[in-house]
Amino acid sequence: MKIILLENIRKIGSIGEVIDVKRGFARNYLIANKKGLYASKENIAQVEKIKSELSKKDQERKKIAKGTSEKINGKKYSIKKLSTENKELYGSVKPTEISKIILEKEKLEIKPSLIQLEKEIKSLGVFKVKINLHSDIQSEILIEVLPAEITQ
């Protein structure tokens, strides 16, 4: 299915580019999130007209992402979780929890979908986590999982 991109998307394409993607990806992600349009002649003409406007919006998003990246890049955040004697967690640390901690500590709202875990966090220790703030900007933070104190 041919789609015109309305924003830069990492590993897929840039603004105004006509790409060929699978029907489900087009409908459920690109079009649903207003990141793309069906590639009809009318839509292609319309995107050509507003291409500079879309580029300006993308530059603004990039500037905001850069500021956010400077605030959080390389920082270490701690999470306390219940664990077993052999340092394994009951459950795991999810991107939503990481997002909440960043919101509490830095007052920055980062969508959990932007947070990429290299592997599931299921034990105590320090883990690297990548955050895709923009198609060109990535940050890396450290998540330290500490044992929660058990009170009786």
N, C-alpha and C. Protein backbone atom coordinates (compact mmCIF):
# COMPACT_ATOMS: atom_id res chain seq x y z
N MET A 1 0.84 -1.17 0.00
CA MET A 1 0.00 0.00 0.00
C MET A 1 0.89 1.24 0.00
N LYS A 2 0.62 2.19 -0.86
CA LYS A 2 1.42 3.41 -0.96
C LYS A 2 0.89 4.47 0.03
N ILE A 3 1.82 5.04 0.78
CA ILE A 3 1.51 6.04 1.80
C ILE A 3 2.47 7.21 1.66
N ILE A 4 1.97 8.44 1.92
CA ILE A 4 2.83 9.63 1.96
C ILE A 4 3.09 9.93 3.43
N LEU A 5 4.35 10.11 3.80
CA LEU A 5 4.68 10.39 5.19
C LEU A 5 4.48 11.87 5.51
N LEU A 6 3.88 12.12 6.68
CA LEU A 6 3.66 13.49 7.14
C LEU A 6 4.70 13.91 8.17
N GLU A 7 5.57 12.99 8.59
CA GLU A 7 6.67 13.34 9.49
C GLU A 7 7.82 12.35 9.29
N ASN A 8 8.99 12.74 9.78
CA ASN A 8 10.16 11.86 9.67
C ASN A 8 9.97 10.69 10.63
N ILE A 9 10.12 9.49 10.11
CA ILE A 9 10.00 8.30 10.96
C ILE A 9 11.27 7.48 10.78
N ARG A 10 11.91 7.19 11.89
CA ARG A 10 13.18 6.48 11.88
C ARG A 10 13.05 5.13 11.16
N LYS A 11 14.02 4.85 10.32
CA LYS A 11 14.13 3.62 9.55
C LYS A 11 12.99 3.41 8.53
N ILE A 12 12.14 4.42 8.35
CA ILE A 12 11.04 4.27 7.39
C ILE A 12 11.13 5.31 6.28
N GLY A 13 11.26 6.58 6.64
CA GLY A 13 11.37 7.62 5.62
C GLY A 13 11.22 9.01 6.19
N SER A 14 11.21 10.00 5.27
CA SER A 14 11.12 11.39 5.71
C SER A 14 9.85 12.06 5.14
N ILE A 15 9.60 13.27 5.57
CA ILE A 15 8.40 14.01 5.20
C ILE A 15 8.22 14.09 3.69
N GLY A 16 7.00 13.80 3.23
CA GLY A 16 6.66 13.92 1.82
C GLY A 16 7.06 12.72 0.98
N GLU A 17 7.76 11.78 1.56
CA GLU A 17 8.22 10.60 0.82
C GLU A 17 7.05 9.62 0.64
N VAL A 18 6.94 9.05 -0.55
CA VAL A 18 5.92 8.03 -0.81
C VAL A 18 6.58 6.67 -0.61
N ILE A 19 6.04 5.91 0.34
CA ILE A 19 6.62 4.61 0.66
C ILE A 19 5.58 3.51 0.46
N ASP A 20 6.06 2.30 0.32
CA ASP A 20 5.18 1.15 0.17
C ASP A 20 5.27 0.33 1.45
N VAL A 21 4.15 0.23 2.18
CA VAL A 21 4.12 -0.50 3.44
C VAL A 21 2.96 -1.49 3.43
N LYS A 22 2.96 -2.36 4.42
CA LYS A 22 1.87 -3.32 4.54
C LYS A 22 0.60 -2.60 4.97
N ARG A 23 -0.51 -3.12 4.50
CA ARG A 23 -1.82 -2.51 4.72
C ARG A 23 -2.12 -2.27 6.21
N GLY A 24 -1.85 -3.25 7.06
CA GLY A 24 -2.13 -3.12 8.49
C GLY A 24 -1.30 -2.04 9.15
N PHE A 25 -0.01 -1.96 8.81
CA PHE A 25 0.87 -0.93 9.36
C PHE A 25 0.38 0.45 8.93
N ALA A 26 -0.04 0.56 7.67
CA ALA A 26 -0.54 1.84 7.15
C ALA A 26 -1.79 2.28 7.92
N ARG A 27 -2.78 1.39 7.99
CA ARG A 27 -4.05 1.75 8.62
C ARG A 27 -3.94 1.91 10.13
N ASN A 28 -3.31 0.94 10.78
CA ASN A 28 -3.31 0.91 12.24
C ASN A 28 -2.30 1.82 12.91
N TYR A 29 -1.23 2.19 12.19
CA TYR A 29 -0.21 3.03 12.81
C TYR A 29 -0.06 4.38 12.11
N LEU A 30 0.34 4.36 10.84
CA LEU A 30 0.65 5.61 10.15
C LEU A 30 -0.58 6.52 10.03
N ILE A 31 -1.67 6.00 9.52
CA ILE A 31 -2.85 6.83 9.31
C ILE A 31 -3.55 7.12 10.64
N ALA A 32 -3.65 6.12 11.51
CA ALA A 32 -4.31 6.30 12.81
C ALA A 32 -3.61 7.36 13.66
N ASN A 33 -2.28 7.44 13.57
CA ASN A 33 -1.51 8.43 14.36
C ASN A 33 -1.18 9.69 13.57
N LYS A 34 -1.84 9.87 12.44
CA LYS A 34 -1.66 11.05 11.58
C LYS A 34 -0.20 11.25 11.19
N LYS A 35 0.49 10.14 10.92
CA LYS A 35 1.87 10.18 10.46
C LYS A 35 1.96 9.96 8.96
N GLY A 36 0.82 9.62 8.34
CA GLY A 36 0.81 9.37 6.90
C GLY A 36 -0.58 9.49 6.31
N LEU A 37 -0.64 9.59 4.98
CA LEU A 37 -1.90 9.66 4.22
C LEU A 37 -1.83 8.67 3.07
N TYR A 38 -3.01 8.23 2.60
CA TYR A 38 -3.04 7.40 1.40
C TYR A 38 -2.42 8.19 0.25
N ALA A 39 -1.65 7.54 -0.60
CA ALA A 39 -0.93 8.24 -1.68
C ALA A 39 -1.80 8.40 -2.92
N SER A 40 -2.85 9.23 -2.82
CA SER A 40 -3.64 9.55 -4.00
C SER A 40 -3.04 10.81 -4.63
N LYS A 41 -3.42 11.10 -5.88
CA LYS A 41 -2.88 12.29 -6.56
C LYS A 41 -3.19 13.57 -5.78
N GLU A 42 -4.41 13.64 -5.25
CA GLU A 42 -4.82 14.84 -4.49
C GLU A 42 -3.98 14.99 -3.23
N ASN A 43 -3.79 13.88 -2.50
CA ASN A 43 -3.00 13.94 -1.27
C ASN A 43 -1.54 14.28 -1.54
N ILE A 44 -0.98 13.76 -2.62
CA ILE A 44 0.41 14.07 -2.97
C ILE A 44 0.56 15.56 -3.25
N ALA A 45 -0.39 16.13 -4.00
CA ALA A 45 -0.36 17.57 -4.29
C ALA A 45 -0.50 18.38 -3.01
N GLN A 46 -1.39 17.95 -2.13
CA GLN A 46 -1.62 18.66 -0.87
C GLN A 46 -0.37 18.63 0.01
N VAL A 47 0.28 17.48 0.10
CA VAL A 47 1.49 17.35 0.93
C VAL A 47 2.62 18.21 0.37
N GLU A 48 2.75 18.28 -0.96
CA GLU A 48 3.77 19.12 -1.58
C GLU A 48 3.59 20.58 -1.16
N LYS A 49 2.31 21.03 -1.07
CA LYS A 49 2.03 22.41 -0.67
C LYS A 49 2.41 22.68 0.78
N ILE A 50 2.12 21.71 1.66
CA ILE A 50 2.35 21.95 3.09
C ILE A 50 3.65 21.34 3.61
N LYS A 51 4.51 20.93 2.69
CA LYS A 51 5.76 20.27 3.08
C LYS A 51 6.64 21.16 3.97
N SER A 52 6.76 22.43 3.63
CA SER A 52 7.61 23.33 4.43
C SER A 52 7.03 23.52 5.83
N GLU A 53 5.71 23.57 5.91
CA GLU A 53 5.04 23.72 7.20
C GLU A 53 5.30 22.48 8.07
N LEU A 54 5.20 21.30 7.45
CA LEU A 54 5.47 20.06 8.17
C LEU A 54 6.92 20.01 8.63
N SER A 55 7.84 20.50 7.79
CA SER A 55 9.26 20.52 8.16
C SER A 55 9.50 21.43 9.35
N LYS A 56 8.80 22.58 9.39
CA LYS A 56 8.94 23.50 10.53
C LYS A 56 8.47 22.83 11.82
N LYS A 57 7.32 22.15 11.74
CA LYS A 57 6.81 21.45 12.92
C LYS A 57 7.79 20.38 13.37
N ASP A 58 8.38 19.68 12.40
CA ASP A 58 9.35 18.63 12.72
C ASP A 58 10.59 19.23 13.39
N GLN A 59 11.03 20.39 12.92
CA GLN A 59 12.19 21.07 13.52
C GLN A 59 11.88 21.48 14.96
N GLU A 60 10.64 21.95 15.20
CA GLU A 60 10.23 22.33 16.56
C GLU A 60 10.26 21.10 17.48
N ARG A 61 9.70 19.99 16.97
CA ARG A 61 9.71 18.75 17.75
C ARG A 61 11.14 18.31 18.05
N LYS A 62 12.01 18.49 17.06
CA LYS A 62 13.41 18.10 17.22
C LYS A 62 14.07 18.96 18.30
N LYS A 63 13.76 20.26 18.30
CA LYS A 63 14.34 21.17 19.29
C LYS A 63 13.89 20.80 20.70
N ILE A 64 12.59 20.48 20.84
CA ILE A 64 12.05 20.07 22.14
C ILE A 64 12.70 18.76 22.58
N ALA A 65 12.84 17.82 21.64
CA ALA A 65 13.46 16.52 21.94
C ALA A 65 14.91 16.71 22.37
N LYS A 66 15.61 17.65 21.73
CA LYS A 66 17.02 17.91 22.08
C LYS A 66 17.12 18.43 23.52
N GLY A 67 16.21 19.34 23.88
CA GLY A 67 16.19 19.88 25.24
C GLY A 67 15.91 18.79 26.26
N THR A 68 14.95 17.93 25.95
CA THR A 68 14.61 16.81 26.83
C THR A 68 15.80 15.87 26.96
N SER A 69 16.45 15.60 25.84
CA SER A 69 17.60 14.70 25.83
C SER A 69 18.72 15.23 26.72
N GLU A 70 18.97 16.54 26.66
CA GLU A 70 20.03 17.14 27.47
C GLU A 70 19.73 17.01 28.96
N LYS A 71 18.43 17.06 29.31
CA LYS A 71 18.05 16.96 30.72
C LYS A 71 18.19 15.55 31.28
N ILE A 72 17.91 14.53 30.45
CA ILE A 72 17.88 13.16 30.99
C ILE A 72 19.03 12.26 30.56
N ASN A 73 19.74 12.61 29.49
CA ASN A 73 20.75 11.72 28.94
C ASN A 73 21.83 11.38 29.97
N GLY A 74 22.07 10.09 30.17
CA GLY A 74 23.12 9.64 31.08
C GLY A 74 22.73 9.63 32.55
N LYS A 75 21.52 10.06 32.88
CA LYS A 75 21.11 10.09 34.29
C LYS A 75 20.73 8.69 34.77
N LYS A 76 20.76 8.55 36.09
CA LYS A 76 20.44 7.26 36.70
C LYS A 76 19.19 7.43 37.56
N TYR A 77 18.23 6.55 37.37
CA TYR A 77 16.99 6.58 38.13
C TYR A 77 16.85 5.28 38.90
N SER A 78 16.35 5.36 40.12
CA SER A 78 16.21 4.17 40.95
C SER A 78 14.75 3.76 41.09
N ILE A 79 14.53 2.46 41.05
CA ILE A 79 13.19 1.89 41.24
C ILE A 79 13.32 0.83 42.32
N LYS A 80 12.41 0.85 43.29
CA LYS A 80 12.42 -0.18 44.33
C LYS A 80 11.33 -1.19 44.01
N LYS A 81 11.73 -2.46 43.99
CA LYS A 81 10.80 -3.55 43.67
C LYS A 81 11.00 -4.70 44.65
N LEU A 82 9.95 -5.46 44.87
CA LEU A 82 10.06 -6.67 45.69
C LEU A 82 10.85 -7.72 44.92
N SER A 83 11.74 -8.41 45.62
CA SER A 83 12.57 -9.41 44.95
C SER A 83 12.76 -10.65 45.81
N THR A 84 13.20 -11.71 45.17
CA THR A 84 13.48 -12.97 45.87
C THR A 84 14.90 -12.92 46.43
N GLU A 85 15.30 -13.98 47.15
CA GLU A 85 16.65 -14.03 47.71
C GLU A 85 17.72 -14.07 46.62
N ASN A 86 17.40 -14.70 45.47
CA ASN A 86 18.40 -14.75 44.39
C ASN A 86 18.25 -13.58 43.42
N LYS A 87 17.83 -12.45 43.94
CA LYS A 87 17.80 -11.15 43.25
C LYS A 87 16.93 -11.09 42.00
N GLU A 88 15.92 -11.95 41.91
CA GLU A 88 14.97 -11.88 40.80
C GLU A 88 13.74 -11.14 41.27
N LEU A 89 13.13 -10.38 40.37
CA LEU A 89 11.96 -9.59 40.73
C LEU A 89 10.68 -10.40 40.62
N TYR A 90 9.70 -10.00 41.42
CA TYR A 90 8.35 -10.52 41.24
C TYR A 90 7.74 -9.63 40.16
N GLY A 91 7.68 -10.11 38.93
CA GLY A 91 7.23 -9.28 37.82
C GLY A 91 8.44 -8.67 37.14
N SER A 92 8.24 -7.52 36.48
CA SER A 92 9.36 -6.85 35.80
C SER A 92 9.12 -5.35 35.80
N VAL A 93 10.15 -4.60 35.41
CA VAL A 93 10.04 -3.14 35.32
C VAL A 93 9.56 -2.82 33.90
N LYS A 94 8.45 -2.14 33.79
CA LYS A 94 7.83 -1.83 32.50
C LYS A 94 8.14 -0.38 32.09
N PRO A 95 8.05 -0.07 30.79
CA PRO A 95 8.25 1.31 30.32
C PRO A 95 7.32 2.32 31.00
N THR A 96 6.09 1.90 31.37
CA THR A 96 5.18 2.85 32.04
C THR A 96 5.74 3.29 33.40
N GLU A 97 6.40 2.36 34.13
CA GLU A 97 7.00 2.71 35.41
C GLU A 97 8.17 3.67 35.22
N ILE A 98 8.98 3.41 34.19
CA ILE A 98 10.12 4.28 33.89
C ILE A 98 9.61 5.68 33.53
N SER A 99 8.55 5.74 32.75
CA SER A 99 7.94 7.01 32.35
C SER A 99 7.47 7.79 33.58
N LYS A 100 6.83 7.09 34.53
CA LYS A 100 6.33 7.75 35.75
C LYS A 100 7.48 8.30 36.59
N ILE A 101 8.58 7.55 36.68
CA ILE A 101 9.73 8.00 37.48
C ILE A 101 10.34 9.26 36.87
N ILE A 102 10.47 9.29 35.55
CA ILE A 102 11.03 10.48 34.88
C ILE A 102 10.10 11.67 35.09
N LEU A 103 8.79 11.44 35.06
CA LEU A 103 7.82 12.51 35.30
C LEU A 103 7.95 13.04 36.72
N GLU A 104 8.10 12.15 37.70
CA GLU A 104 8.26 12.56 39.10
C GLU A 104 9.55 13.35 39.32
N LYS A 105 10.67 12.82 38.82
CA LYS A 105 11.98 13.41 39.09
C LYS A 105 12.29 14.64 38.25
N GLU A 106 11.94 14.59 36.96
CA GLU A 106 12.34 15.65 36.03
C GLU A 106 11.20 16.55 35.57
N LYS A 107 9.97 16.17 35.88
CA LYS A 107 8.78 16.90 35.41
C LYS A 107 8.71 16.90 33.88
N LEU A 108 9.17 15.80 33.27
CA LEU A 108 9.11 15.63 31.81
C LEU A 108 8.21 14.46 31.49
N GLU A 109 7.28 14.67 30.56
CA GLU A 109 6.38 13.59 30.19
C GLU A 109 6.94 12.88 28.96
N ILE A 110 7.26 11.60 29.14
CA ILE A 110 7.78 10.78 28.05
C ILE A 110 6.85 9.60 27.88
N LYS A 111 6.35 9.43 26.67
CA LYS A 111 5.42 8.33 26.41
C LYS A 111 6.13 7.00 26.58
N PRO A 112 5.48 6.03 27.22
CA PRO A 112 6.09 4.70 27.39
C PRO A 112 6.47 4.05 26.06
N SER A 113 5.76 4.38 24.98
CA SER A 113 6.07 3.78 23.68
C SER A 113 7.43 4.23 23.14
N LEU A 114 7.97 5.34 23.65
CA LEU A 114 9.27 5.84 23.21
C LEU A 114 10.43 5.14 23.93
N ILE A 115 10.11 4.46 25.03
CA ILE A 115 11.13 3.82 25.85
C ILE A 115 11.40 2.41 25.33
N GLN A 116 12.68 2.15 25.01
CA GLN A 116 13.07 0.85 24.49
C GLN A 116 13.98 0.14 25.47
N LEU A 117 13.51 -0.99 25.96
CA LEU A 117 14.33 -1.79 26.86
C LEU A 117 15.18 -2.74 26.01
N GLU A 118 16.49 -2.82 26.30
CA GLU A 118 17.35 -3.75 25.55
C GLU A 118 16.92 -5.18 25.83
N LYS A 119 16.59 -5.46 27.08
CA LYS A 119 16.01 -6.75 27.45
C LYS A 119 15.10 -6.48 28.65
N GLU A 120 14.20 -7.41 28.92
CA GLU A 120 13.29 -7.22 30.04
C GLU A 120 14.05 -7.10 31.35
N ILE A 121 13.60 -6.18 32.19
CA ILE A 121 14.25 -5.97 33.49
C ILE A 121 13.51 -6.85 34.50
N LYS A 122 14.14 -7.98 34.86
CA LYS A 122 13.51 -8.93 35.76
C LYS A 122 14.36 -9.27 36.97
N SER A 123 15.43 -8.48 37.19
CA SER A 123 16.29 -8.75 38.35
C SER A 123 16.83 -7.44 38.90
N LEU A 124 17.45 -7.51 40.06
CA LEU A 124 18.07 -6.33 40.67
C LEU A 124 19.33 -5.98 39.89
N GLY A 125 19.70 -4.70 39.88
CA GLY A 125 20.92 -4.28 39.20
C GLY A 125 20.71 -2.99 38.44
N VAL A 126 21.68 -2.67 37.57
CA VAL A 126 21.64 -1.44 36.77
C VAL A 126 21.48 -1.83 35.30
N PHE A 127 20.53 -1.18 34.63
CA PHE A 127 20.22 -1.52 33.23
C PHE A 127 20.22 -0.27 32.37
N LYS A 128 20.72 -0.40 31.13
CA LYS A 128 20.68 0.70 30.17
C LYS A 128 19.33 0.68 29.47
N VAL A 129 18.75 1.87 29.29
CA VAL A 129 17.46 2.00 28.62
C VAL A 129 17.58 3.12 27.58
N LYS A 130 17.15 2.84 26.35
CA LYS A 130 17.18 3.86 25.30
C LYS A 130 15.81 4.50 25.18
N ILE A 131 15.82 5.81 24.92
CA ILE A 131 14.58 6.55 24.72
C ILE A 131 14.66 7.25 23.37
N ASN A 132 13.73 6.93 22.47
CA ASN A 132 13.67 7.55 21.15
C ASN A 132 12.81 8.80 21.24
N LEU A 133 13.43 9.95 21.41
CA LEU A 133 12.68 11.20 21.57
C LEU A 133 12.25 11.78 20.22
N HIS A 134 13.01 11.48 19.17
CA HIS A 134 12.75 12.00 17.82
C HIS A 134 13.42 11.02 16.87
N SER A 135 13.08 11.11 15.60
CA SER A 135 13.68 10.17 14.64
C SER A 135 15.21 10.34 14.57
N ASP A 136 15.73 11.52 14.95
CA ASP A 136 17.16 11.77 14.92
C ASP A 136 17.81 11.80 16.31
N ILE A 137 17.01 11.82 17.36
CA ILE A 137 17.56 12.01 18.71
C ILE A 137 17.19 10.85 19.63
N GLN A 138 18.22 10.24 20.20
CA GLN A 138 18.05 9.16 21.17
C GLN A 138 18.77 9.52 22.45
N SER A 139 18.20 9.15 23.58
CA SER A 139 18.86 9.33 24.87
C SER A 139 19.06 7.98 25.51
N GLU A 140 20.02 7.92 26.38
CA GLU A 140 20.26 6.68 27.11
C GLU A 140 20.29 7.01 28.60
N ILE A 141 19.49 6.27 29.37
CA ILE A 141 19.49 6.47 30.82
C ILE A 141 19.80 5.14 31.49
N LEU A 142 20.10 5.21 32.78
CA LEU A 142 20.35 4.00 33.56
C LEU A 142 19.22 3.82 34.55
N ILE A 143 18.72 2.60 34.65
CA ILE A 143 17.69 2.28 35.63
C ILE A 143 18.32 1.34 36.65
N GLU A 144 18.32 1.78 37.91
CA GLU A 144 18.87 0.95 38.97
C GLU A 144 17.71 0.34 39.74
N VAL A 145 17.65 -0.98 39.75
CA VAL A 145 16.57 -1.68 40.45
C VAL A 145 17.10 -2.10 41.82
N LEU A 146 16.47 -1.55 42.85
CA LEU A 146 16.88 -1.84 44.22
C LEU A 146 15.82 -2.70 44.92
N PRO A 147 16.24 -3.47 45.92
CA PRO A 147 15.22 -4.27 46.64
C PRO A 147 14.36 -3.37 47.53
N ALA A 148 13.05 -3.60 47.50
CA ALA A 148 12.15 -2.85 48.37
C ALA A 148 12.25 -3.43 49.78
N GLU A 149 12.22 -2.54 50.76
CA GLU A 149 12.30 -3.01 52.14
C GLU A 149 10.97 -3.65 52.51
N ILE A 150 11.04 -4.83 53.10
CA ILE A 150 9.80 -5.51 53.50
C ILE A 150 9.53 -5.15 54.96
N THR A 151 8.36 -4.54 55.20
CA THR A 151 7.99 -4.18 56.56
C THR A 151 6.95 -5.18 57.06
N GLN A 152 7.10 -5.59 58.33
CA GLN A 152 6.14 -6.56 58.87
C GLN A 152 5.45 -6.01 60.09
